[in-house]
């Protein structure tokens, strides 16, 4: 089994949190590392899970140099939402969609509490 490793650095309030985690692919590793850094501050993120992950090439004529769009569908067990990331780097596009998903959950939870 080949594992991917991701390292993330996030700022929460006035603290810098630097974490690393492994996963069964780069997106899973990014997800695990981000959660590892945020769960202490936002335990509700433990309920968020990735339901679907789709990648689409936006410029067919550019081949592997193409801009990609990543669509992530997430759920907290009650509601589902979608977030999008776009970049010429599939990992960056995935990161943008993943981070937006968690941020959306936190904003939505704070406005409905």
PDB file of N, CA and C in Angstrom:
ATOM      1  N   UNK A   1       0.842  -1.174   0.000  1.00  0.00           N
ATOM      2  CA  UNK A   1       0.000   0.000   0.000  1.00  0.00           C
ATOM      3  C   UNK A   1       0.893   1.244   0.000  1.00  0.00           C
ATOM      4  N   UNK A   2       0.618   2.146  -0.917  1.00  0.00           N
ATOM      5  CA  UNK A   2       1.357   3.404  -0.997  1.00  0.00           C
ATOM      6  C   UNK A   2       0.512   4.499  -0.362  1.00  0.00           C
ATOM      7  N   UNK A   3       1.086   5.194   0.597  1.00  0.00           N
ATOM      8  CA  UNK A   3       0.380   6.284   1.265  1.00  0.00           C
ATOM      9  C   UNK A   3       0.934   7.622   0.799  1.00  0.00           C
ATOM     10  N   UNK A   4       0.076   8.617   0.777  1.00  0.00           N
ATOM     11  CA  UNK A   4       0.489   9.993   0.499  1.00  0.00           C
ATOM     12  C   UNK A   4       0.601  10.720   1.826  1.00  0.00           C
ATOM     13  N   UNK A   5       1.459  11.726   1.869  1.00  0.00           N
ATOM     14  CA  UNK A   5       1.613  12.535   3.072  1.00  0.00           C
ATOM     15  C   UNK A   5       1.390  14.000   2.716  1.00  0.00           C
ATOM     16  N   UNK A   6       0.710  14.709   3.602  1.00  0.00           N
ATOM     17  CA  UNK A   6       0.475  16.142   3.407  1.00  0.00           C
ATOM     18  C   UNK A   6       0.857  16.881   4.677  1.00  0.00           C
ATOM     19  N   UNK A   7       1.370  18.069   4.499  1.00  0.00           N
ATOM     20  CA  UNK A   7       1.702  18.964   5.603  1.00  0.00           C
ATOM     21  C   UNK A   7       0.943  20.263   5.384  1.00  0.00           C
ATOM     22  N   UNK A   8       0.275  20.741   6.423  1.00  0.00           N
ATOM     23  CA  UNK A   8      -0.445  22.010   6.315  1.00  0.00           C
ATOM     24  C   UNK A   8      -0.069  22.910   7.488  1.00  0.00           C
ATOM     25  N   UNK A   9      -0.153  24.195   7.226  1.00  0.00           N
ATOM     26  CA  UNK A   9       0.065  25.196   8.268  1.00  0.00           C
ATOM     27  C   UNK A   9      -1.126  26.138   8.215  1.00  0.00           C
ATOM     28  N   UNK A  10      -1.854  26.229   9.328  1.00  0.00           N
ATOM     29  CA  UNK A  10      -3.034  27.090   9.384  1.00  0.00           C
ATOM     30  C   UNK A  10      -2.920  28.026  10.586  1.00  0.00           C
ATOM     31  N   UNK A  11      -3.543  29.179  10.450  1.00  0.00           N
ATOM     32  CA  UNK A  11      -3.588  30.130  11.557  1.00  0.00           C
ATOM     33  C   UNK A  11      -5.003  30.140  12.107  1.00  0.00           C
ATOM     34  N   UNK A  12      -5.123  29.837  13.389  1.00  0.00           N
ATOM     35  CA  UNK A  12      -6.411  29.860  14.077  1.00  0.00           C
ATOM     36  C   UNK A  12      -6.269  30.837  15.231  1.00  0.00           C
ATOM     37  N   UNK A  13      -7.083  31.895  15.169  1.00  0.00           N
ATOM     38  CA  UNK A  13      -6.969  32.989  16.132  1.00  0.00           C
ATOM     39  C   UNK A  13      -5.539  33.523  16.066  1.00  0.00           C
ATOM     40  N   UNK A  14      -4.775  33.430  17.151  1.00  0.00           N
ATOM     41  CA  UNK A  14      -3.403  33.945  17.113  1.00  0.00           C
ATOM     42  C   UNK A  14      -2.360  32.826  17.101  1.00  0.00           C
ATOM     43  N   UNK A  15      -2.801  31.597  16.867  1.00  0.00           N
ATOM     44  CA  UNK A  15      -1.886  30.450  16.873  1.00  0.00           C
ATOM     45  C   UNK A  15      -1.630  29.932  15.466  1.00  0.00           C
ATOM     46  N   UNK A  16      -0.393  29.552  15.219  1.00  0.00           N
ATOM     47  CA  UNK A  16      -0.022  28.886  13.974  1.00  0.00           C
ATOM     48  C   UNK A  16       0.049  27.393  14.281  1.00  0.00           C
ATOM     49  N   UNK A  17      -0.716  26.616  13.542  1.00  0.00           N
ATOM     50  CA  UNK A  17      -0.756  25.169  13.735  1.00  0.00           C
ATOM     51  C   UNK A  17      -0.120  24.522  12.510  1.00  0.00           C
ATOM     52  N   UNK A  18       0.896  23.687  12.733  1.00  0.00           N
ATOM     53  CA  UNK A  18       1.608  23.008  11.656  1.00  0.00           C
ATOM     54  C   UNK A  18       1.426  21.508  11.869  1.00  0.00           C
ATOM     55  N   UNK A  19       0.737  20.842  10.948  1.00  0.00           N
ATOM     56  CA  UNK A  19       0.454  19.417  11.114  1.00  0.00           C
ATOM     57  C   UNK A  19       0.781  18.648   9.841  1.00  0.00           C
ATOM     58  N   UNK A  20       0.962  17.350  10.006  1.00  0.00           N
ATOM     59  CA  UNK A  20       1.172  16.448   8.878  1.00  0.00           C
ATOM     60  C   UNK A  20       0.318  15.212   9.106  1.00  0.00           C
ATOM     61  N   UNK A  21      -0.091  14.587   8.011  1.00  0.00           N
ATOM     62  CA  UNK A  21      -0.888  13.368   8.109  1.00  0.00           C
ATOM     63  C   UNK A  21      -0.708  12.549   6.840  1.00  0.00           C
ATOM     64  N   UNK A  22      -1.032  11.270   6.944  1.00  0.00           N
ATOM     65  CA  UNK A  22      -0.994  10.372   5.798  1.00  0.00           C
ATOM     66  C   UNK A  22      -2.409  10.028   5.382  1.00  0.00           C
ATOM     67  N   UNK A  23      -2.555   9.649   4.116  1.00  0.00           N
ATOM     68  CA  UNK A  23      -3.849   9.225   3.603  1.00  0.00           C
ATOM     69  C   UNK A  23      -3.658   8.305   2.422  1.00  0.00           C
ATOM     70  N   UNK A  24      -4.748   7.730   1.935  1.00  0.00           N
ATOM     71  CA  UNK A  24      -4.658   6.799   0.817  1.00  0.00           C
ATOM     72  C   UNK A  24      -4.575   7.512  -0.528  1.00  0.00           C
ATOM     73  N   UNK A  25      -4.344   8.793  -0.506  1.00  0.00           N
ATOM     74  CA  UNK A  25      -4.152   9.624  -1.689  1.00  0.00           C
ATOM     75  C   UNK A  25      -3.890  11.036  -1.219  1.00  0.00           C
ATOM     76  N   UNK A  26      -3.484  11.933  -2.113  1.00  0.00           N
ATOM     77  CA  UNK A  26      -3.143  13.293  -1.675  1.00  0.00           C
ATOM     78  C   UNK A  26      -4.317  14.080  -1.103  1.00  0.00           C
ATOM     79  N   UNK A  27      -5.513  13.886  -1.625  1.00  0.00           N
ATOM     80  CA  UNK A  27      -6.675  14.627  -1.110  1.00  0.00           C
ATOM     81  C   UNK A  27      -7.034  14.120   0.281  1.00  0.00           C
ATOM     82  N   UNK A  28      -6.998  12.813   0.478  1.00  0.00           N
ATOM     83  CA  UNK A  28      -7.269  12.237   1.789  1.00  0.00           C
ATOM     84  C   UNK A  28      -6.219  12.688   2.807  1.00  0.00           C
ATOM     85  N   UNK A  29      -4.959  12.760   2.385  1.00  0.00           N
ATOM     86  CA  UNK A  29      -3.892  13.219   3.279  1.00  0.00           C
ATOM     87  C   UNK A  29      -4.075  14.693   3.645  1.00  0.00           C
ATOM     88  N   UNK A  30      -4.438  15.533   2.666  1.00  0.00           N
ATOM     89  CA  UNK A  30      -4.711  16.947   2.948  1.00  0.00           C
ATOM     90  C   UNK A  30      -5.869  17.091   3.929  1.00  0.00           C
ATOM     91  N   UNK A  31      -6.922  16.326   3.700  1.00  0.00           N
ATOM     92  CA  UNK A  31      -8.093  16.350   4.576  1.00  0.00           C
ATOM     93  C   UNK A  31      -7.693  15.977   6.003  1.00  0.00           C
ATOM     94  N   UNK A  32      -6.925  14.903   6.140  1.00  0.00           N
ATOM     95  CA  UNK A  32      -6.516  14.436   7.467  1.00  0.00           C
ATOM     96  C   UNK A  32      -5.622  15.456   8.169  1.00  0.00           C
ATOM     97  N   UNK A  33      -4.692  16.063   7.438  1.00  0.00           N
ATOM     98  CA  UNK A  33      -3.791  17.051   8.040  1.00  0.00           C
ATOM     99  C   UNK A  33      -4.549  18.309   8.462  1.00  0.00           C
ATOM    100  N   UNK A  34      -5.473  18.756   7.625  1.00  0.00           N
ATOM    101  CA  UNK A  34      -6.261  19.943   7.956  1.00  0.00           C
ATOM    102  C   UNK A  34      -7.128  19.696   9.185  1.00  0.00           C
ATOM    103  N   UNK A  35      -7.789  18.554   9.220  1.00  0.00           N
ATOM    104  CA  UNK A  35      -8.618  18.216  10.387  1.00  0.00           C
ATOM    105  C   UNK A  35      -7.776  18.133  11.659  1.00  0.00           C
ATOM    106  N   UNK A  36      -6.607  17.522  11.534  1.00  0.00           N
ATOM    107  CA  UNK A  36      -5.717  17.369  12.684  1.00  0.00           C
ATOM    108  C   UNK A  36      -5.398  18.728  13.306  1.00  0.00           C
ATOM    109  N   UNK A  37      -5.244  19.737  12.465  1.00  0.00           N
ATOM    110  CA  UNK A  37      -4.950  21.073  12.965  1.00  0.00           C
ATOM    111  C   UNK A  37      -6.156  21.835  13.475  1.00  0.00           C
ATOM    112  N   UNK A  38      -7.335  21.524  12.951  1.00  0.00           N
ATOM    113  CA  UNK A  38      -8.524  22.322  13.272  1.00  0.00           C
ATOM    114  C   UNK A  38      -9.452  21.720  14.322  1.00  0.00           C
ATOM    115  N   UNK A  39      -9.440  20.408  14.501  1.00  0.00           N
ATOM    116  CA  UNK A  39     -10.419  19.770  15.390  1.00  0.00           C
ATOM    117  C   UNK A  39     -10.345  20.259  16.833  1.00  0.00           C
ATOM    118  N   UNK A  40      -9.170  20.612  17.308  1.00  0.00           N
ATOM    119  CA  UNK A  40      -9.039  21.139  18.673  1.00  0.00           C
ATOM    120  C   UNK A  40      -9.878  22.403  18.857  1.00  0.00           C
ATOM    121  N   UNK A  41      -9.940  23.230  17.825  1.00  0.00           N
ATOM    122  CA  UNK A  41     -10.664  24.498  17.879  1.00  0.00           C
ATOM    123  C   UNK A  41     -12.113  24.366  17.416  1.00  0.00           C
ATOM    124  N   UNK A  42     -12.347  23.469  16.468  1.00  0.00           N
ATOM    125  CA  UNK A  42     -13.671  23.300  15.858  1.00  0.00           C
ATOM    126  C   UNK A  42     -14.055  21.818  15.843  1.00  0.00           C
ATOM    127  N   UNK A  43     -14.420  21.248  16.993  1.00  0.00           N
ATOM    128  CA  UNK A  43     -14.715  19.816  17.060  1.00  0.00           C
ATOM    129  C   UNK A  43     -15.878  19.378  16.173  1.00  0.00           C
ATOM    130  N   UNK A  44     -16.761  20.308  15.807  1.00  0.00           N
ATOM    131  CA  UNK A  44     -17.877  19.977  14.923  1.00  0.00           C
ATOM    132  C   UNK A  44     -17.437  19.501  13.550  1.00  0.00           C
ATOM    133  N   UNK A  45     -16.204  19.833  13.145  1.00  0.00           N
ATOM    134  CA  UNK A  45     -15.694  19.384  11.845  1.00  0.00           C
ATOM    135  C   UNK A  45     -15.588  17.863  11.760  1.00  0.00           C
ATOM    136  N   UNK A  46     -15.603  17.193  12.905  1.00  0.00           N
ATOM    137  CA  UNK A  46     -15.538  15.727  12.902  1.00  0.00           C
ATOM    138  C   UNK A  46     -16.744  15.116  12.201  1.00  0.00           C
ATOM    139  N   UNK A  47     -17.845  15.851  12.116  1.00  0.00           N
ATOM    140  CA  UNK A  47     -19.050  15.323  11.462  1.00  0.00           C
ATOM    141  C   UNK A  47     -19.023  15.500   9.949  1.00  0.00           C
ATOM    142  N   UNK A  48     -18.102  16.321   9.445  1.00  0.00           N
ATOM    143  CA  UNK A  48     -18.049  16.614   8.009  1.00  0.00           C
ATOM    144  C   UNK A  48     -17.312  15.496   7.287  1.00  0.00           C
ATOM    145  N   UNK A  49     -17.929  15.006   6.222  1.00  0.00           N
ATOM    146  CA  UNK A  49     -17.259  13.983   5.419  1.00  0.00           C
ATOM    147  C   UNK A  49     -17.423  14.280   3.937  1.00  0.00           C
ATOM    148  N   UNK A  50     -16.442  13.860   3.172  1.00  0.00           N
ATOM    149  CA  UNK A  50     -16.478  14.015   1.730  1.00  0.00           C
ATOM    150  C   UNK A  50     -17.402  12.946   1.165  1.00  0.00           C
ATOM    151  N   UNK A  51     -18.417  13.361   0.419  1.00  0.00           N
ATOM    152  CA  UNK A  51     -19.398  12.445  -0.153  1.00  0.00           C
ATOM    153  C   UNK A  51     -19.066  12.129  -1.607  1.00  0.00           C
ATOM    154  N   UNK A  52     -18.571  13.133  -2.346  1.00  0.00           N
ATOM    155  CA  UNK A  52     -18.248  12.941  -3.759  1.00  0.00           C
ATOM    156  C   UNK A  52     -17.115  13.877  -4.150  1.00  0.00           C
ATOM    157  N   UNK A  53     -16.329  13.436  -5.119  1.00  0.00           N
ATOM    158  CA  UNK A  53     -15.163  14.193  -5.581  1.00  0.00           C
ATOM    159  C   UNK A  53     -15.083  14.027  -7.091  1.00  0.00           C
ATOM    160  N   UNK A  54     -15.143  15.138  -7.816  1.00  0.00           N
ATOM    161  CA  UNK A  54     -15.115  15.083  -9.278  1.00  0.00           C
ATOM    162  C   UNK A  54     -14.098  16.078  -9.812  1.00  0.00           C
ATOM    163  N   UNK A  55     -13.391  15.672 -10.866  1.00  0.00           N
ATOM    164  CA  UNK A  55     -12.419  16.541 -11.534  1.00  0.00           C
ATOM    165  C   UNK A  55     -12.825  16.671 -12.988  1.00  0.00           C
ATOM    166  N   UNK A  56     -12.772  17.889 -13.478  1.00  0.00           N
ATOM    167  CA  UNK A  56     -13.105  18.138 -14.886  1.00  0.00           C
ATOM    168  C   UNK A  56     -12.031  19.026 -15.501  1.00  0.00           C
ATOM    169  N   UNK A  57     -11.613  18.674 -16.705  1.00  0.00           N
ATOM    170  CA  UNK A  57     -10.671  19.499 -17.459  1.00  0.00           C
ATOM    171  C   UNK A  57     -11.463  20.628 -18.100  1.00  0.00           C
ATOM    172  N   UNK A  58     -10.975  21.866 -17.951  1.00  0.00           N
ATOM    173  CA  UNK A  58     -11.698  23.021 -18.483  1.00  0.00           C
ATOM    174  C   UNK A  58     -11.252  23.412 -19.887  1.00  0.00           C
ATOM    175  N   UNK A  59     -10.042  23.038 -20.271  1.00  0.00           N
ATOM    176  CA  UNK A  59      -9.517  23.383 -21.593  1.00  0.00           C
ATOM    177  C   UNK A  59      -9.047  22.101 -22.276  1.00  0.00           C
ATOM    178  N   UNK A  60      -9.931  21.429 -22.966  1.00  0.00           N
ATOM    179  CA  UNK A  60      -9.596  20.138 -23.561  1.00  0.00           C
ATOM    180  C   UNK A  60      -8.376  20.196 -24.465  1.00  0.00           C
ATOM    181  N   UNK A  61      -8.182  21.284 -25.183  1.00  0.00           N
ATOM    182  CA  UNK A  61      -7.070  21.380 -26.130  1.00  0.00           C
ATOM    183  C   UNK A  61      -5.707  21.487 -25.439  1.00  0.00           C
ATOM    184  N   UNK A  62      -5.683  21.788 -24.142  1.00  0.00           N
ATOM    185  CA  UNK A  62      -4.414  21.948 -23.424  1.00  0.00           C
ATOM    186  C   UNK A  62      -3.899  20.654 -22.810  1.00  0.00           C
ATOM    187  N   UNK A  63      -4.677  19.592 -22.864  1.00  0.00           N
ATOM    188  CA  UNK A  63      -4.235  18.301 -22.335  1.00  0.00           C
ATOM    189  C   UNK A  63      -3.848  18.376 -20.871  1.00  0.00           C
ATOM    190  N   UNK A  64      -2.657  17.845 -20.557  1.00  0.00           N
ATOM    191  CA  UNK A  64      -2.225  17.806 -19.158  1.00  0.00           C
ATOM    192  C   UNK A  64      -1.853  19.177 -18.600  1.00  0.00           C
ATOM    193  N   UNK A  65      -1.741  20.187 -19.444  1.00  0.00           N
ATOM    194  CA  UNK A  65      -1.463  21.558 -18.983  1.00  0.00           C
ATOM    195  C   UNK A  65      -2.750  22.331 -18.724  1.00  0.00           C
ATOM    196  N   UNK A  66      -3.862  21.663 -18.814  1.00  0.00           N
ATOM    197  CA  UNK A  66      -5.167  22.306 -18.709  1.00  0.00           C
ATOM    198  C   UNK A  66      -5.493  22.779 -17.299  1.00  0.00           C
ATOM    199  N   UNK A  67      -6.331  23.784 -17.241  1.00  0.00           N
ATOM    200  CA  UNK A  67      -6.961  24.212 -15.996  1.00  0.00           C
ATOM    201  C   UNK A  67      -7.968  23.123 -15.622  1.00  0.00           C
ATOM    202  N   UNK A  68      -8.019  22.751 -14.344  1.00  0.00           N
ATOM    203  CA  UNK A  68      -8.997  21.764 -13.896  1.00  0.00           C
ATOM    204  C   UNK A  68      -9.931  22.391 -12.877  1.00  0.00           C
ATOM    205  N   UNK A  69     -11.108  21.802 -12.790  1.00  0.00           N
ATOM    206  CA  UNK A  69     -12.082  22.217 -11.782  1.00  0.00           C
ATOM    207  C   UNK A  69     -12.385  20.997 -10.922  1.00  0.00           C
ATOM    208  N   UNK A  70     -12.252  21.165  -9.626  1.00  0.00           N
ATOM    209  CA  UNK A  70     -12.566  20.096  -8.679  1.00  0.00           C
ATOM    210  C   UNK A  70     -13.862  20.465  -7.976  1.00  0.00           C
ATOM    211  N   UNK A  71     -14.799  19.539  -7.966  1.00  0.00           N
ATOM    212  CA  UNK A  71     -16.074  19.712  -7.273  1.00  0.00           C
ATOM    213  C   UNK A  71     -16.110  18.717  -6.123  1.00  0.00           C
ATOM    214  N   UNK A  72     -16.252  19.231  -4.917  1.00  0.00           N
ATOM    215  CA  UNK A  72     -16.357  18.379  -3.735  1.00  0.00           C
ATOM    216  C   UNK A  72     -17.757  18.528  -3.162  1.00  0.00           C
ATOM    217  N   UNK A  73     -18.380  17.396  -2.901  1.00  0.00           N
ATOM    218  CA  UNK A  73     -19.667  17.390  -2.206  1.00  0.00           C
ATOM    219  C   UNK A  73     -19.412  16.851  -0.805  1.00  0.00           C
ATOM    220  N   UNK A  74     -19.869  17.592   0.194  1.00  0.00           N
ATOM    221  CA  UNK A  74     -19.641  17.246   1.595  1.00  0.00           C
ATOM    222  C   UNK A  74     -20.963  17.136   2.331  1.00  0.00           C
ATOM    223  N   UNK A  75     -20.921  16.469   3.490  1.00  0.00           N
ATOM    224  CA  UNK A  75     -22.114  16.319   4.317  1.00  0.00           C
ATOM    225  C   UNK A  75     -21.716  16.306   5.787  1.00  0.00           C
ATOM    226  N   UNK A  76     -22.626  16.792   6.618  1.00  0.00           N
ATOM    227  CA  UNK A  76     -22.440  16.696   8.067  1.00  0.00           C
ATOM    228  C   UNK A  76     -23.441  15.713   8.669  1.00  0.00           C
ATOM    229  N   UNK A  77     -24.059  14.915   7.819  1.00  0.00           N
ATOM    230  CA  UNK A  77     -25.066  13.964   8.274  1.00  0.00           C
ATOM    231  C   UNK A  77     -26.476  14.514   8.221  1.00  0.00           C
ATOM    232  N   UNK A  78     -26.607  15.832   8.078  1.00  0.00           N
ATOM    233  CA  UNK A  78     -27.918  16.473   8.004  1.00  0.00           C
ATOM    234  C   UNK A  78     -28.128  17.179   6.672  1.00  0.00           C
ATOM    235  N   UNK A  79     -27.125  17.900   6.240  1.00  0.00           N
ATOM    236  CA  UNK A  79     -27.217  18.631   4.976  1.00  0.00           C
ATOM    237  C   UNK A  79     -25.992  18.329   4.119  1.00  0.00           C
ATOM    238  N   UNK A  80     -26.141  18.603   2.821  1.00  0.00           N
ATOM    239  CA  UNK A  80     -25.030  18.445   1.887  1.00  0.00           C
ATOM    240  C   UNK A  80     -24.765  19.772   1.202  1.00  0.00           C
ATOM    241  N   UNK A  81     -23.520  20.001   0.834  1.00  0.00           N
ATOM    242  CA  UNK A  81     -23.138  21.213   0.115  1.00  0.00           C
ATOM    243  C   UNK A  81     -21.994  20.878  -0.828  1.00  0.00           C
ATOM    244  N   UNK A  82     -21.812  21.770  -1.800  1.00  0.00           N
ATOM    245  CA  UNK A  82     -20.758  21.589  -2.800  1.00  0.00           C
ATOM    246  C   UNK A  82     -19.836  22.800  -2.800  1.00  0.00           C
ATOM    247  N   UNK A  83     -18.562  22.526  -3.000  1.00  0.00           N
ATOM    248  CA  UNK A  83     -17.572  23.589  -3.147  1.00  0.00           C
ATOM    249  C   UNK A  83     -16.690  23.266  -4.343  1.00  0.00           C
ATOM    250  N   UNK A  84     -16.090  24.311  -4.909  1.00  0.00           N
ATOM    251  CA  UNK A  84     -15.317  24.170  -6.140  1.00  0.00           C
ATOM    252  C   UNK A  84     -13.944  24.804  -5.957  1.00  0.00           C
ATOM    253  N   UNK A  85     -12.941  24.168  -6.542  1.00  0.00           N
ATOM    254  CA  UNK A  85     -11.604  24.742  -6.622  1.00  0.00           C
ATOM    255  C   UNK A  85     -11.129  24.632  -8.054  1.00  0.00           C
ATOM    256  N   UNK A  86     -10.364  25.603  -8.510  1.00  0.00           N
ATOM    257  CA  UNK A  86      -9.879  25.586  -9.888  1.00  0.00           C
ATOM    258  C   UNK A  86      -8.421  26.027  -9.934  1.00  0.00           C
ATOM    259  N   UNK A  87      -7.623  25.308 -10.720  1.00  0.00           N
ATOM    260  CA  UNK A  87      -6.204  25.613 -10.857  1.00  0.00           C
ATOM    261  C   UNK A  87      -5.637  24.760 -11.991  1.00  0.00           C
ATOM    262  N   UNK A  88      -4.426  25.070 -12.415  1.00  0.00           N
ATOM    263  CA  UNK A  88      -3.728  24.175 -13.340  1.00  0.00           C
ATOM    264  C   UNK A  88      -3.081  23.033 -12.567  1.00  0.00           C
ATOM    265  N   UNK A  89      -3.085  23.117 -11.249  1.00  0.00           N
ATOM    266  CA  UNK A  89      -2.534  22.086 -10.374  1.00  0.00           C
ATOM    267  C   UNK A  89      -3.700  21.371  -9.691  1.00  0.00           C
ATOM    268  N   UNK A  90      -3.877  20.087  -9.973  1.00  0.00           N
ATOM    269  CA  UNK A  90      -5.031  19.341  -9.445  1.00  0.00           C
ATOM    270  C   UNK A  90      -5.017  19.277  -7.914  1.00  0.00           C
ATOM    271  N   UNK A  91      -3.830  19.230  -7.309  1.00  0.00           N
ATOM    272  CA  UNK A  91      -3.753  19.195  -5.846  1.00  0.00           C
ATOM    273  C   UNK A  91      -4.191  20.537  -5.264  1.00  0.00           C
ATOM    274  N   UNK A  92      -3.754  21.628  -5.882  1.00  0.00           N
ATOM    275  CA  UNK A  92      -4.173  22.956  -5.416  1.00  0.00           C
ATOM    276  C   UNK A  92      -5.680  23.140  -5.579  1.00  0.00           C
ATOM    277  N   UNK A  93      -6.226  22.716  -6.707  1.00  0.00           N
ATOM    278  CA  UNK A  93      -7.674  22.825  -6.923  1.00  0.00           C
ATOM    279  C   UNK A  93      -8.426  22.010  -5.872  1.00  0.00           C
ATOM    280  N   UNK A  94      -7.908  20.837  -5.550  1.00  0.00           N
ATOM    281  CA  UNK A  94      -8.530  19.991  -4.526  1.00  0.00           C
ATOM    282  C   UNK A  94      -8.461  20.662  -3.164  1.00  0.00           C
ATOM    283  N   UNK A  95      -7.305  21.256  -2.847  1.00  0.00           N
ATOM    284  CA  UNK A  95      -7.132  21.957  -1.575  1.00  0.00           C
ATOM    285  C   UNK A  95      -8.124  23.108  -1.446  1.00  0.00           C
ATOM    286  N   UNK A  96      -8.267  23.892  -2.513  1.00  0.00           N
ATOM    287  CA  UNK A  96      -9.184  25.036  -2.484  1.00  0.00           C
ATOM    288  C   UNK A  96     -10.618  24.581  -2.209  1.00  0.00           C
ATOM    289  N   UNK A  97     -11.048  23.517  -2.877  1.00  0.00           N
ATOM    290  CA  UNK A  97     -12.408  23.008  -2.672  1.00  0.00           C
ATOM    291  C   UNK A  97     -12.576  22.429  -1.272  1.00  0.00           C
ATOM    292  N   UNK A  98     -11.565  21.711  -0.797  1.00  0.00           N
ATOM    293  CA  UNK A  98     -11.623  21.094   0.525  1.00  0.00           C
ATOM    294  C   UNK A  98     -11.654  22.147   1.634  1.00  0.00           C
ATOM    295  N   UNK A  99     -10.764  23.124   1.556  1.00  0.00           N
ATOM    296  CA  UNK A  99     -10.723  24.188   2.572  1.00  0.00           C
ATOM    297  C   UNK A  99     -12.023  24.991   2.566  1.00  0.00           C
ATOM    298  N   UNK A 100     -12.545  25.280   1.372  1.00  0.00           N
ATOM    299  CA  UNK A 100     -13.816  26.009   1.282  1.00  0.00           C
ATOM    300  C   UNK A 100     -14.960  25.210   1.887  1.00  0.00           C
ATOM    301  N   UNK A 101     -14.925  23.896   1.736  1.00  0.00           N
ATOM    302  CA  UNK A 101     -15.975  23.052   2.301  1.00  0.00           C
ATOM    303  C   UNK A 101     -16.006  23.170   3.822  1.00  0.00           C
ATOM    304  N   UNK A 102     -14.839  23.103   4.436  1.00  0.00           N
ATOM    305  CA  UNK A 102     -14.780  23.201   5.896  1.00  0.00           C
ATOM    306  C   UNK A 102     -15.142  24.604   6.368  1.00  0.00           C
ATOM    307  N   UNK A 103     -14.679  25.616   5.636  1.00  0.00           N
ATOM    308  CA  UNK A 103     -15.020  26.994   5.992  1.00  0.00           C
ATOM    309  C   UNK A 103     -16.529  27.228   5.863  1.00  0.00           C
ATOM    310  N   UNK A 104     -17.131  26.706   4.805  1.00  0.00           N
ATOM    311  CA  UNK A 104     -18.578  26.845   4.619  1.00  0.00           C
ATOM    312  C   UNK A 104     -19.319  26.221   5.797  1.00  0.00           C
ATOM    313  N   UNK A 105     -18.907  25.022   6.199  1.00  0.00           N
ATOM    314  CA  UNK A 105     -19.548  24.351   7.329  1.00  0.00           C
ATOM    315  C   UNK A 105     -19.481  25.223   8.579  1.00  0.00           C
ATOM    316  N   UNK A 106     -18.317  25.783   8.864  1.00  0.00           N
ATOM    317  CA  UNK A 106     -18.155  26.600  10.070  1.00  0.00           C
ATOM    318  C   UNK A 106     -18.991  27.872  10.012  1.00  0.00           C
ATOM    319  N   UNK A 107     -19.029  28.513   8.856  1.00  0.00           N
ATOM    320  CA  UNK A 107     -19.842  29.728   8.700  1.00  0.00           C
ATOM    321  C   UNK A 107     -21.321  29.393   8.827  1.00  0.00           C
ATOM    322  N   UNK A 108     -21.761  28.349   8.153  1.00  0.00           N
ATOM    323  CA  UNK A 108     -23.170  27.938   8.186  1.00  0.00           C
ATOM    324  C   UNK A 108     -23.586  27.584   9.613  1.00  0.00           C
ATOM    325  N   UNK A 109     -22.728  26.862  10.327  1.00  0.00           N
ATOM    326  CA  UNK A 109     -23.047  26.463  11.696  1.00  0.00           C
ATOM    327  C   UNK A 109     -23.162  27.680  12.600  1.00  0.00           C
ATOM    328  N   UNK A 110     -22.304  28.661  12.427  1.00  0.00           N
ATOM    329  CA  UNK A 110     -22.343  29.863  13.272  1.00  0.00           C
ATOM    330  C   UNK A 110     -23.535  30.755  12.967  1.00  0.00           C
ATOM    331  N   UNK A 111     -24.045  30.736  11.734  1.00  0.00           N
ATOM    332  CA  UNK A 111     -25.196  31.580  11.398  1.00  0.00           C
ATOM    333  C   UNK A 111     -26.513  30.922  11.766  1.00  0.00           C
ATOM    334  N   UNK A 112     -26.515  29.601  11.989  1.00  0.00           N
ATOM    335  CA  UNK A 112     -27.760  28.912  12.333  1.00  0.00           C
ATOM    336  C   UNK A 112     -27.831  28.554  13.816  1.00  0.00           C
ATOM    337  N   UNK A 113     -26.756  28.783  14.558  1.00  0.00           N
ATOM    338  CA  UNK A 113     -26.750  28.438  15.995  1.00  0.00           C
ATOM    339  C   UNK A 113     -27.437  29.499  16.819  1.00  0.00           C
TER     340      UNK A 113
END
